[in-house]
Amino acid sequence: MSETATIIDKYIASRPLGGSTDVPPPVKHICVVGGGSAGWMTALMLATTAYGPRLKVTVLESPQVGIIGVGEGSTPWLRRFFEILGIEESEWMPACNATYKSGITFDGWSTKPGFERYFHPFVSMLDNMTMHPFVDNVHARLEGANVDAHPDRFFLSTALARQAKGPRADANFPFDVWYGYHFDATLLGQFLGRKAVARGVTHLQRHVNHVLLNEQGDIAGLQLDGGETLEADLFVDCTGFASLLTGKALQTPFIGFGENLFNDAAVAMPTPLDGPLESQTVATALRHGWAWKIPLTHRQGNGYVYSSAHCSADEAETELRRHLGLLDADIPARHLKMRVGRMEKIWHRNCVAIGLSQGFIEPLEATALLYVQVTASMLVEVLEKRALGPDAQAQFNEAMRQRFENTRDYIVAHYKTNSRTDTEYWRANAENMRLSESLQAVLMTWMSRKPLVTALKAGRFGQGYPAVSWYALLAGMGIFPDAEDLVPPTAHQARHDLAAVDHFIARSLGNFPDHRELLANIPPGNSDKLLQVYAW
């Protein structure tokens, strides 16, 4: 199980809905500065602490500052967030034009024959039936045996996405599938805001003119338009890339990841929804980055994440329009700049940065909202432990450092293992040697044909993502001996009946509805099946 599962499991264990404690909260008032998905998700989690209404939570949202509102995908952990809060999919998904997400297709990242496209699955309980054949075949192919080791053949989620099936099975099918969501980020923030206010969070729509610091350097209050001052005991900075509190007021140093994550800009362009409604994100490699394709119920989200050091904004927009077949279409594009990296301290003095203000590791695996959820879970945990001193802050910051860097390593691996040579951008990514020791260890272990599972479980490297994700990435990119060097497998290497694997997945598929049909009639939650998925 991944370390993210551990963090959220600990949060879940302390979350008996309706539970309370007679112990007073260590702080009386927390002010969340900034709304959007990050601010309102944090406020909702703070509103469900064991302290109940004795802990005052205020969201201060400026009417003069808009939200980015582009991110449209999640990891599977967002599902747990709604289940903890008792919010059904049938309520929030239609309100946010949301669809289901079974995983991500990576298209064009590899040029190796047979590996030009692969799927990173959100695995299911059923994959325990096919996971071992996949891993065994991977190692046989690493040893030079000509066996099928492409991940797409072995995972139910891949078939669900490609056949436009929804990842929630019929009621009589007792196996869960791990899935995420696609959604309209602006609508999601608005929905979470309504829920937070209904659960006792104070919403104040005022603009911050100045952040006031006391003699010790802590935040004493916020001077609002009109001259009033808003005071609180603890502040949460959800002001996005502006980082109004953590960055500007507290002058927290920022650690950039630009030396091995080159992308720092994006251009977005929604289009009408056309064709089948597949439960997947598609990430297609373009000349200087990659394009996303995300289906919502009312439109298709499109965008291009690229390196401004390798192409201009105008060149990126033209390439995206060409990719979409919209060179002459009168559809406006929205340009964005990204700050990729992390704050040196996520918790600095009496302020915790959450969301884009704490850091960002580009959109490739849709981790932004996951970091909001994890950080807010950790904040609730320390509040309920009443552990707000220097040691607790240091442990908090070290845990966040590790999580950012572990996720960064997994994202960097996508670029490092590419085999494109058509532009300097892709060549520079493949030639990049500024890799962490952890990532170097993963790649060296793979190339030495040793099992990743044992080392990953031992925690020596590659933390943050389960072993199956690393296997899907490296096998999906075709990091194997060249096809002409493969030899027929031995009887032991060919011991798995892949026709039986195909048959098993095909029969399992029959229990899952069409994606559109599922969205039209979303069943009640199935949290009793959850969190048994990541056996790896």
Protein backbone atom coordinates (compact mmCIF):
# COMPACT_ATOMS: atom_id res chain seq x y z
CA MET A 1 0.00 0.00 0.00
CA SER A 2 1.31 3.49 -0.82
CA GLU A 3 2.32 6.02 1.83
CA THR A 4 -0.63 8.16 0.72
CA ALA A 5 -2.92 5.33 1.79
CA THR A 6 -1.25 5.31 5.18
CA ILE A 7 -1.78 9.04 5.72
CA ILE A 8 -5.43 8.97 4.71
CA ASP A 9 -6.08 5.73 6.61
CA LYS A 10 -4.84 7.40 9.80
CA TYR A 11 -7.15 10.32 9.11
CA ILE A 12 -10.07 7.95 8.51
CA ALA A 13 -9.40 6.10 11.76
CA SER A 14 -9.87 9.33 13.70
CA ARG A 15 -13.02 10.31 11.84
CA PRO A 16 -16.05 8.67 13.45
CA LEU A 17 -18.73 10.89 11.95
CA GLY A 18 -20.51 12.78 14.67
CA GLY A 19 -17.71 12.01 17.10
CA SER A 20 -16.51 14.70 19.51
CA THR A 21 -14.19 15.30 22.41
CA ASP A 22 -14.50 17.32 25.59
CA VAL A 23 -10.90 18.50 25.24
CA PRO A 24 -10.74 22.12 24.05
CA PRO A 25 -9.04 22.75 20.71
CA PRO A 26 -5.40 23.93 20.81
CA VAL A 27 -6.44 26.94 18.72
CA LYS A 28 -9.80 28.66 18.68
CA HIS A 29 -9.87 30.18 15.20
CA ILE A 30 -8.36 29.03 11.88
CA CYS A 31 -8.54 31.34 8.88
CA VAL A 32 -8.27 29.74 5.43
CA VAL A 33 -7.21 32.45 2.98
CA GLY A 34 -8.43 31.64 -0.53
CA GLY A 35 -11.38 29.60 -1.78
CA GLY A 36 -11.41 27.32 -4.80
CA SER A 37 -11.11 23.56 -4.46
CA ALA A 38 -8.09 23.77 -2.13
CA GLY A 39 -9.55 26.29 0.31
CA TRP A 40 -12.97 24.74 0.56
CA MET A 41 -11.70 21.15 0.76
CA THR A 42 -9.42 22.18 3.62
CA ALA A 43 -12.24 24.05 5.37
CA LEU A 44 -14.55 21.04 5.14
CA MET A 45 -11.93 18.76 6.67
CA LEU A 46 -11.25 21.24 9.46
CA ALA A 47 -14.99 21.48 10.10
CA THR A 48 -15.13 17.72 10.78
CA THR A 49 -12.53 17.61 13.57
CA ALA A 50 -13.48 16.10 16.89
CA TYR A 51 -13.67 19.62 18.33
CA GLY A 52 -16.83 20.35 16.39
CA PRO A 53 -18.13 23.95 16.44
CA ARG A 54 -15.70 24.92 19.21
CA LEU A 55 -13.08 25.27 16.48
CA LYS A 56 -14.04 28.28 14.39
CA VAL A 57 -13.12 28.03 10.70
CA THR A 58 -13.30 31.05 8.41
CA VAL A 59 -12.70 31.05 4.65
CA LEU A 60 -11.59 34.47 3.46
CA GLU A 61 -12.17 34.72 -0.28
CA SER A 62 -11.29 37.79 -2.30
CA PRO A 63 -13.93 38.88 -4.85
CA GLN A 64 -11.09 40.51 -6.82
CA VAL A 65 -9.03 37.34 -7.32
CA GLY A 66 -10.20 34.52 -9.56
CA ILE A 67 -9.25 30.86 -9.25
CA ILE A 68 -7.23 28.91 -11.79
CA GLY A 69 -10.00 26.34 -12.24
CA VAL A 70 -8.28 24.31 -14.95
CA GLY A 71 -7.34 21.07 -13.18
CA GLU A 72 -10.02 18.55 -14.10
CA GLY A 73 -8.71 15.19 -12.90
CA SER A 74 -8.08 13.38 -9.63
CA THR A 75 -6.41 10.33 -8.18
CA PRO A 76 -8.63 7.65 -6.57
CA TRP A 77 -8.17 9.21 -3.13
CA LEU A 78 -10.73 11.93 -3.87
CA ARG A 79 -13.36 9.24 -3.60
CA ARG A 80 -12.38 8.67 0.01
CA PHE A 81 -12.68 12.38 0.78
CA PHE A 82 -16.35 12.41 -0.20
CA GLU A 83 -17.07 9.15 1.60
CA ILE A 84 -15.52 10.44 4.83
CA LEU A 85 -17.79 13.47 4.64
CA GLY A 86 -20.87 11.41 3.76
CA ILE A 87 -21.38 13.08 0.37
CA GLU A 88 -22.76 10.75 -2.28
CA GLU A 89 -21.52 10.69 -5.86
CA SER A 90 -25.11 11.06 -7.00
CA GLU A 91 -25.11 14.49 -5.34
CA TRP A 92 -21.75 16.02 -6.16
CA MET A 93 -20.93 14.49 -9.56
CA PRO A 94 -23.91 15.93 -11.51
CA ALA A 95 -23.34 19.29 -9.81
CA CYS A 96 -19.75 19.34 -11.13
CA ASN A 97 -20.32 17.75 -14.57
CA ALA A 98 -18.11 14.92 -13.33
CA THR A 99 -17.22 11.63 -14.99
CA TYR A 100 -15.35 8.56 -13.77
CA LYS A 101 -11.65 7.99 -14.35
CA SER A 102 -10.16 4.49 -14.53
CA GLY A 103 -6.62 5.67 -15.27
CA ILE A 104 -4.44 7.46 -17.81
CA THR A 105 -3.40 6.55 -21.35
CA PHE A 106 0.08 7.73 -22.34
CA ASP A 107 0.24 8.09 -26.10
CA GLY A 108 3.40 8.75 -28.09
CA TRP A 109 5.87 8.94 -25.21
CA SER A 110 7.69 5.88 -26.47
CA THR A 111 8.71 5.12 -30.04
CA LYS A 112 9.56 1.49 -29.35
CA PRO A 113 7.53 -0.87 -31.58
CA GLY A 114 4.54 -2.24 -29.70
CA PHE A 115 4.97 0.23 -26.84
CA GLU A 116 3.88 3.50 -28.45
CA ARG A 117 0.87 3.62 -26.13
CA TYR A 118 0.17 2.29 -22.65
CA PHE A 119 -2.33 2.71 -19.81
CA HIS A 120 -1.53 3.51 -16.17
CA PRO A 121 -4.38 1.71 -14.38
CA PHE A 122 -6.11 2.30 -11.11
CA VAL A 123 -6.00 -1.32 -10.07
CA SER A 124 -8.82 -3.46 -8.68
CA MET A 125 -9.22 -6.44 -6.39
CA LEU A 126 -9.62 -8.54 -9.50
CA ASP A 127 -6.14 -7.58 -10.67
CA ASN A 128 -4.77 -9.85 -7.95
CA MET A 129 -5.75 -12.60 -10.42
CA THR A 130 -3.66 -11.13 -13.24
CA MET A 131 -0.95 -9.09 -11.50
CA HIS A 132 1.42 -11.98 -10.96
CA PRO A 133 1.35 -13.13 -14.59
CA PHE A 134 2.12 -9.54 -15.60
CA VAL A 135 5.08 -9.14 -13.23
CA ASP A 136 6.41 -12.61 -14.05
CA ASN A 137 6.25 -11.81 -17.77
CA VAL A 138 7.96 -8.47 -17.20
CA HIS A 139 10.90 -10.17 -15.56
CA ALA A 140 11.00 -12.89 -18.20
CA ARG A 141 11.16 -10.24 -20.92
CA LEU A 142 13.86 -8.36 -19.01
CA GLU A 143 15.81 -11.60 -19.09
CA GLY A 144 15.44 -11.67 -22.89
CA ALA A 145 12.42 -13.97 -23.32
CA ASN A 146 9.94 -13.12 -26.05
CA VAL A 147 6.78 -12.99 -23.91
CA ASP A 148 4.00 -10.40 -23.81
CA ALA A 149 4.74 -7.93 -21.01
CA HIS A 150 2.74 -4.90 -22.12
CA PRO A 151 0.62 -3.78 -19.13
CA ASP A 152 -2.54 -3.11 -21.17
CA ARG A 153 -3.33 -6.80 -21.48
CA PHE A 154 -3.35 -7.51 -17.77
CA PHE A 155 -5.56 -4.90 -16.09
CA LEU A 156 -9.32 -4.63 -15.93
CA SER A 157 -9.19 -0.82 -15.66
CA THR A 158 -7.54 -0.60 -19.06
CA ALA A 159 -10.38 -2.51 -20.68
CA LEU A 160 -13.00 -0.47 -18.82
CA ALA A 161 -11.54 2.81 -20.07
CA ARG A 162 -10.99 1.72 -23.67
CA GLN A 163 -14.49 0.25 -23.98
CA ALA A 164 -16.21 3.31 -22.47
CA LYS A 165 -17.37 1.38 -19.41
CA GLY A 166 -17.95 2.93 -16.02
CA PRO A 167 -15.77 1.55 -13.20
CA ARG A 168 -18.65 0.75 -10.84
CA ALA A 169 -19.96 -2.79 -11.22
CA ASP A 170 -23.49 -4.14 -10.87
CA ALA A 171 -24.68 -4.50 -7.28
CA ASN A 172 -24.34 -8.29 -7.35
CA PHE A 173 -20.67 -8.17 -8.39
CA PRO A 174 -18.72 -8.18 -5.08
CA PHE A 175 -15.44 -6.71 -6.31
CA ASP A 176 -14.41 -3.09 -6.16
CA VAL A 177 -12.45 -1.13 -8.73
CA TRP A 178 -10.25 1.75 -7.68
CA TYR A 179 -11.19 4.87 -9.64
CA GLY A 180 -10.83 8.64 -9.72
CA TYR A 181 -12.87 11.40 -11.33
CA HIS A 182 -12.88 14.12 -13.94
CA PHE A 183 -14.77 17.30 -13.01
CA ASP A 184 -15.20 21.00 -13.65
CA ALA A 185 -12.80 22.49 -11.08
CA THR A 186 -14.70 25.76 -10.77
CA LEU A 187 -17.98 23.96 -10.09
CA LEU A 188 -16.25 21.64 -7.62
CA GLY A 189 -14.96 24.60 -5.60
CA GLN A 190 -18.44 26.13 -5.56
CA PHE A 191 -20.02 22.84 -4.46
CA LEU A 192 -17.50 22.36 -1.65
CA GLY A 193 -18.10 25.97 -0.57
CA ARG A 194 -21.83 25.39 -0.20
CA LYS A 195 -21.20 22.23 1.81
CA ALA A 196 -18.67 23.92 4.07
CA VAL A 197 -20.97 26.84 4.88
CA ALA A 198 -23.81 24.40 5.59
CA ARG A 199 -21.53 22.64 8.08
CA GLY A 200 -20.68 25.78 10.00
CA VAL A 201 -17.73 27.33 8.15
CA THR A 202 -17.82 31.13 8.04
CA HIS A 203 -17.48 32.60 4.53
CA LEU A 204 -16.09 36.11 4.31
CA GLN A 205 -15.78 37.75 0.90
CA ARG A 206 -13.18 40.46 1.39
CA HIS A 207 -9.89 41.38 -0.21
CA VAL A 208 -6.62 41.27 1.76
CA ASN A 209 -4.74 44.55 1.45
CA HIS A 210 -1.91 43.71 3.82
CA VAL A 211 -0.61 40.84 5.98
CA LEU A 212 0.31 42.05 9.47
CA LEU A 213 3.20 40.40 11.32
CA ASN A 214 3.93 40.58 15.05
CA GLU A 215 7.34 41.14 16.65
CA GLN A 216 8.14 37.42 16.52
CA GLY A 217 7.46 37.30 12.79
CA ASP A 218 4.16 35.36 13.02
CA ILE A 219 1.03 36.48 11.22
CA ALA A 220 -0.91 38.72 13.60
CA GLY A 221 -3.81 39.46 11.31
CA LEU A 222 -5.01 40.40 7.85
CA GLN A 223 -5.84 43.98 6.98
CA LEU A 224 -8.93 43.91 4.76
CA ASP A 225 -10.33 46.43 2.33
CA GLY A 226 -12.24 48.93 4.40
CA GLY A 227 -9.54 49.05 7.07
CA GLU A 228 -10.72 46.18 9.31
CA THR A 229 -8.31 43.59 10.66
CA LEU A 230 -9.13 39.87 10.74
CA GLU A 231 -7.27 37.96 13.45
CA ALA A 232 -6.87 34.20 13.89
CA ASP A 233 -4.66 31.75 15.77
CA LEU A 234 -3.63 29.72 12.74
CA PHE A 235 -3.73 30.62 9.05
CA VAL A 236 -3.97 28.36 6.02
CA ASP A 237 -2.58 29.78 2.79
CA CYS A 238 -4.72 28.66 -0.16
CA THR A 239 -3.90 31.65 -2.35
CA GLY A 240 -2.48 29.59 -5.22
CA PHE A 241 0.75 30.42 -7.00
CA ALA A 242 0.56 33.95 -5.52
CA SER A 243 1.36 32.42 -2.09
CA LEU A 244 0.27 35.62 -0.38
CA LEU A 245 0.98 34.46 3.17
CA THR A 246 3.67 31.78 2.96
CA GLY A 247 5.70 33.24 0.15
CA LYS A 248 5.18 36.99 0.19
CA ALA A 249 4.49 37.77 3.86
CA LEU A 250 6.60 35.10 5.58
CA GLN A 251 9.28 35.06 2.86
CA THR A 252 9.48 31.26 2.84
CA PRO A 253 12.11 30.09 0.32
CA PHE A 254 10.85 28.21 -2.72
CA ILE A 255 12.70 25.14 -4.03
CA GLY A 256 12.20 24.77 -7.77
CA PHE A 257 12.15 21.44 -9.60
CA GLY A 258 13.00 22.97 -12.98
CA GLU A 259 16.28 21.11 -13.38
CA ASN A 260 14.43 17.87 -14.06
CA LEU A 261 10.83 18.94 -14.67
CA PHE A 262 11.03 21.32 -17.63
CA ASN A 263 7.34 22.18 -18.13
CA ASP A 264 6.34 25.55 -16.73
CA ALA A 265 3.37 26.69 -18.84
CA ALA A 266 0.09 25.46 -20.25
CA VAL A 267 -2.59 26.46 -22.72
CA ALA A 268 -6.16 25.18 -22.28
CA MET A 269 -8.96 24.98 -24.83
CA PRO A 270 -12.27 23.17 -24.16
CA THR A 271 -14.22 21.65 -27.03
CA PRO A 272 -17.65 20.02 -27.42
CA LEU A 273 -17.83 16.40 -26.30
CA ASP A 274 -17.73 14.05 -29.27
CA GLY A 275 -17.72 10.26 -29.52
CA PRO A 276 -17.77 7.64 -26.74
CA LEU A 277 -17.38 8.76 -23.15
CA GLU A 278 -14.24 6.91 -22.10
CA SER A 279 -13.38 6.77 -18.40
CA GLN A 280 -9.82 7.88 -18.89
CA THR A 281 -7.49 10.84 -19.24
CA VAL A 282 -5.34 10.75 -22.38
CA ALA A 283 -1.87 12.32 -22.19
CA THR A 284 -0.43 12.64 -25.71
CA ALA A 285 3.20 13.60 -26.25
CA LEU A 286 3.61 16.64 -28.51
CA ARG A 287 6.77 18.41 -29.64
CA HIS A 288 7.58 20.31 -26.45
CA GLY A 289 5.40 18.66 -23.80
CA TRP A 290 2.13 16.78 -23.72
CA ALA A 291 -1.57 17.40 -24.36
CA TRP A 292 -4.36 16.33 -22.06
CA LYS A 293 -7.78 15.10 -23.10
CA ILE A 294 -10.36 14.90 -20.32
CA PRO A 295 -14.06 14.07 -20.86
CA LEU A 296 -16.69 15.82 -18.75
CA THR A 297 -20.43 15.33 -19.14
CA HIS A 298 -20.88 18.67 -20.94
CA ARG A 299 -17.58 19.19 -22.76
CA GLN A 300 -14.11 17.86 -23.37
CA GLY A 301 -11.20 19.48 -21.57
CA ASN A 302 -8.06 19.92 -23.67
CA GLY A 303 -4.72 21.51 -22.95
CA TYR A 304 -1.02 21.48 -23.67
CA VAL A 305 1.59 21.45 -20.88
CA TYR A 306 4.92 22.62 -22.29
CA SER A 307 8.34 24.10 -21.60
CA SER A 308 8.55 27.82 -22.32
CA ALA A 309 12.32 27.38 -22.73
CA HIS A 310 11.64 25.25 -25.82
CA CYS A 311 8.68 27.00 -27.45
CA SER A 312 6.70 30.23 -27.17
CA ALA A 313 3.10 30.57 -25.98
CA ASP A 314 1.97 31.29 -29.56
CA GLU A 315 3.79 28.23 -30.87
CA ALA A 316 2.24 26.08 -28.15
CA GLU A 317 -1.26 27.33 -28.92
CA THR A 318 -0.77 26.69 -32.63
CA GLU A 319 0.47 23.18 -31.95
CA LEU A 320 -2.49 22.45 -29.68
CA ARG A 321 -4.94 23.76 -32.27
CA ARG A 322 -3.29 21.61 -34.92
CA HIS A 323 -3.43 18.59 -32.61
CA LEU A 324 -7.17 19.18 -32.10
CA GLY A 325 -7.86 19.96 -35.77
CA LEU A 326 -8.92 23.49 -34.81
CA LEU A 327 -6.40 25.72 -36.58
CA ASP A 328 -9.15 27.84 -38.10
CA ALA A 329 -11.73 27.49 -35.32
CA ASP A 330 -12.85 30.53 -33.34
CA ILE A 331 -12.36 28.91 -29.92
CA PRO A 332 -10.53 31.02 -27.32
CA ALA A 333 -7.48 29.61 -25.56
CA ARG A 334 -6.43 30.29 -21.97
CA HIS A 335 -2.71 30.57 -21.17
CA LEU A 336 -1.25 29.74 -17.75
CA LYS A 337 2.15 29.85 -16.09
CA MET A 338 3.13 27.18 -13.56
CA ARG A 339 5.58 27.34 -10.68
CA VAL A 340 6.91 23.79 -10.32
CA GLY A 341 8.55 22.92 -7.03
CA ARG A 342 7.73 23.25 -3.33
CA MET A 343 8.06 25.61 -0.41
CA GLU A 344 11.02 24.87 1.83
CA LYS A 345 8.56 24.79 4.75
CA ILE A 346 4.92 23.92 4.17
CA TRP A 347 4.19 24.83 7.78
CA HIS A 348 6.02 28.06 8.61
CA ARG A 349 5.38 29.85 11.88
CA ASN A 350 1.58 30.02 12.36
CA CYS A 351 0.73 29.37 8.71
CA VAL A 352 0.26 26.15 6.73
CA ALA A 353 0.37 26.32 2.94
CA ILE A 354 -2.09 24.05 1.13
CA GLY A 355 -2.69 23.73 -2.59
CA LEU A 356 -0.67 25.58 -5.21
CA SER A 357 0.74 27.89 -2.53
CA GLN A 358 2.66 24.95 -1.04
CA GLY A 359 4.01 23.64 -4.34
CA PHE A 360 3.11 21.93 -7.58
CA ILE A 361 4.45 18.96 -9.53
CA GLU A 362 2.87 19.63 -12.92
CA PRO A 363 -0.48 18.08 -13.95
CA LEU A 364 0.74 14.77 -15.41
CA GLU A 365 -0.65 12.40 -12.75
CA ALA A 366 -3.30 14.80 -11.36
CA THR A 367 -1.71 15.02 -7.91
CA ALA A 368 -2.60 18.64 -7.03
CA LEU A 369 -5.90 17.87 -5.25
CA LEU A 370 -4.35 14.80 -3.63
CA TYR A 371 -1.77 17.04 -1.96
CA VAL A 372 -4.56 19.25 -0.65
CA GLN A 373 -6.28 16.21 0.82
CA VAL A 374 -3.11 14.74 2.34
CA THR A 375 -1.91 18.04 3.82
CA ALA A 376 -5.32 18.87 5.28
CA SER A 377 -5.53 15.33 6.74
CA MET A 378 -2.16 15.81 8.41
CA LEU A 379 -3.23 19.21 9.76
CA VAL A 380 -6.37 17.73 11.29
CA GLU A 381 -4.28 14.96 12.82
CA VAL A 382 -1.85 17.33 14.54
CA LEU A 383 -4.70 19.52 15.75
CA GLU A 384 -6.44 16.56 17.37
CA LYS A 385 -3.14 15.42 18.89
CA ARG A 386 -2.67 19.01 20.10
CA ALA A 387 0.84 18.83 18.64
CA LEU A 388 1.60 22.32 17.34
CA GLY A 389 5.09 22.88 18.70
CA PRO A 390 8.42 23.17 16.85
CA ASP A 391 9.03 19.40 16.82
CA ALA A 392 5.60 18.72 15.32
CA GLN A 393 6.16 21.39 12.69
CA ALA A 394 9.55 19.94 11.79
CA GLN A 395 8.08 16.43 11.43
CA PHE A 396 5.22 17.82 9.35
CA ASN A 397 7.60 19.62 7.01
CA GLU A 398 9.89 16.63 6.66
CA ALA A 399 6.95 14.37 5.81
CA MET A 400 5.78 16.83 3.15
CA ARG A 401 9.29 17.15 1.73
CA GLN A 402 9.50 13.41 1.28
CA ARG A 403 6.09 13.21 -0.36
CA PHE A 404 6.82 15.99 -2.81
CA GLU A 405 10.14 14.51 -3.78
CA ASN A 406 8.80 10.96 -4.07
CA THR A 407 6.01 12.12 -6.36
CA ARG A 408 8.46 14.22 -8.33
CA ASP A 409 10.61 11.14 -8.93
CA TYR A 410 7.70 9.19 -10.39
CA ILE A 411 6.77 12.05 -12.70
CA VAL A 412 10.39 12.58 -13.79
CA ALA A 413 10.60 8.89 -14.68
CA HIS A 414 8.00 9.42 -17.42
CA TYR A 415 10.25 11.97 -19.11
CA LYS A 416 13.56 10.25 -18.46
CA THR A 417 12.40 6.98 -20.07
CA ASN A 418 10.96 8.55 -23.23
CA SER A 419 12.52 7.40 -26.51
CA ARG A 420 11.55 10.32 -28.75
CA THR A 421 14.32 12.12 -30.62
CA ASP A 422 12.29 14.54 -32.76
CA THR A 423 12.95 17.69 -30.67
CA GLU A 424 15.55 19.05 -28.30
CA TYR A 425 12.90 18.98 -25.55
CA TRP A 426 12.54 15.21 -25.61
CA ARG A 427 16.25 14.60 -26.14
CA ALA A 428 17.08 16.81 -23.15
CA ASN A 429 14.60 14.89 -20.98
CA ALA A 430 16.08 11.53 -21.97
CA GLU A 431 19.64 12.77 -21.41
CA ASN A 432 18.82 14.38 -18.04
CA MET A 433 21.15 13.02 -15.36
CA ARG A 434 20.03 15.32 -12.53
CA LEU A 435 18.07 12.53 -10.92
CA SER A 436 17.61 11.81 -7.23
CA GLU A 437 19.37 8.84 -5.70
CA SER A 438 15.98 7.25 -5.19
CA LEU A 439 15.04 7.44 -8.86
CA GLN A 440 18.48 6.28 -9.94
CA ALA A 441 18.02 3.25 -7.68
CA VAL A 442 14.65 2.39 -9.28
CA LEU A 443 16.06 2.57 -12.80
CA MET A 444 19.24 0.67 -11.91
CA THR A 445 17.24 -2.08 -10.22
CA TRP A 446 15.03 -2.41 -13.30
CA MET A 447 17.97 -2.53 -15.71
CA SER A 448 19.73 -5.09 -13.53
CA ARG A 449 16.61 -7.27 -13.87
CA LYS A 450 15.97 -7.43 -10.14
CA PRO A 451 12.42 -7.35 -8.72
CA LEU A 452 11.18 -3.90 -7.81
CA VAL A 453 8.59 -5.19 -5.35
CA THR A 454 10.96 -6.23 -2.58
CA ALA A 455 12.98 -3.02 -2.68
CA LEU A 456 9.87 -0.84 -2.87
CA LYS A 457 8.30 -2.57 0.11
CA ALA A 458 11.54 -2.20 2.03
CA GLY A 459 11.22 1.54 1.50
CA ARG A 460 14.66 1.95 -0.03
CA PHE A 461 13.43 3.88 -3.05
CA GLY A 462 10.50 4.87 -5.22
CA GLN A 463 8.14 5.64 -2.36
CA GLY A 464 4.85 7.40 -2.94
CA TYR A 465 3.51 5.15 -5.67
CA PRO A 466 2.71 1.43 -5.39
CA ALA A 467 4.88 -1.10 -7.16
CA VAL A 468 2.27 -1.76 -9.83
CA SER A 469 2.52 1.88 -10.96
CA TRP A 470 6.27 1.59 -11.44
CA TYR A 471 5.84 -1.70 -13.33
CA ALA A 472 3.15 -0.20 -15.57
CA LEU A 473 5.32 2.84 -16.33
CA LEU A 474 8.59 1.05 -17.11
CA ALA A 475 6.99 -1.86 -18.95
CA GLY A 476 4.56 0.43 -20.75
CA MET A 477 7.43 2.55 -22.06
CA GLY A 478 9.06 -0.62 -23.38
CA ILE A 479 12.19 -0.54 -21.22
CA PHE A 480 13.19 -4.03 -22.33
CA PRO A 481 15.88 -5.60 -24.51
CA ASP A 482 15.40 -4.79 -28.20
CA ALA A 483 12.94 -7.06 -30.00
CA GLU A 484 15.66 -8.52 -32.26
CA ASP A 485 17.57 -9.65 -29.17
CA LEU A 486 14.66 -11.61 -27.66
CA VAL A 487 14.68 -15.40 -27.70
CA PRO A 488 11.87 -17.95 -27.34
CA PRO A 489 10.86 -18.38 -23.68
CA THR A 490 11.58 -21.45 -21.64
CA ALA A 491 8.66 -23.50 -20.40
CA HIS A 492 8.95 -21.78 -17.01
CA GLN A 493 9.00 -18.31 -18.57
CA ALA A 494 5.92 -19.15 -20.65
CA ARG A 495 4.02 -20.81 -17.79
CA HIS A 496 1.15 -18.30 -17.71
CA ASP A 497 -1.88 -18.86 -19.95
CA LEU A 498 -2.51 -15.38 -21.35
CA ALA A 499 -5.64 -16.55 -23.16
CA ALA A 500 -7.04 -17.30 -19.71
CA VAL A 501 -6.11 -13.77 -18.63
CA ASP A 502 -7.95 -12.36 -21.65
CA HIS A 503 -10.98 -14.52 -20.90
CA PHE A 504 -11.03 -13.50 -17.24
CA ILE A 505 -10.97 -9.78 -18.05
CA ALA A 506 -13.57 -10.15 -20.80
CA ARG A 507 -15.97 -11.97 -18.46
CA SER A 508 -15.41 -9.43 -15.69
CA LEU A 509 -16.22 -6.59 -18.10
CA GLY A 510 -19.74 -7.91 -18.51
CA ASN A 511 -20.54 -6.75 -14.98
CA PHE A 512 -19.82 -3.09 -15.68
CA PRO A 513 -22.26 -0.66 -17.32
CA ASP A 514 -21.71 1.80 -20.13
CA HIS A 515 -20.12 4.96 -18.74
CA ARG A 516 -22.97 7.23 -19.85
CA GLU A 517 -25.57 4.86 -18.42
CA LEU A 518 -23.75 4.77 -15.08
CA LEU A 519 -23.62 8.58 -14.91
CA ALA A 520 -27.34 8.75 -15.62
CA ASN A 521 -28.11 6.51 -12.63
CA ILE A 522 -25.29 6.67 -10.09
CA PRO A 523 -25.86 4.06 -7.36
CA PRO A 524 -25.28 4.61 -3.61
CA GLY A 525 -21.73 4.51 -2.26
CA ASN A 526 -19.75 1.31 -1.79
CA SER A 527 -17.24 2.31 0.87
CA ASP A 528 -17.38 -1.16 2.43
CA LYS A 529 -15.37 -2.42 -0.53
CA LEU A 530 -12.80 0.36 -0.46
CA LEU A 531 -9.15 0.37 0.56
CA GLN A 532 -8.60 -3.32 -0.13
CA VAL A 533 -7.31 -2.58 -3.59
CA TYR A 534 -3.63 -1.77 -3.21
CA ALA A 535 -2.37 -5.14 -2.10
CA TRP A 536 0.82 -4.12 -3.91
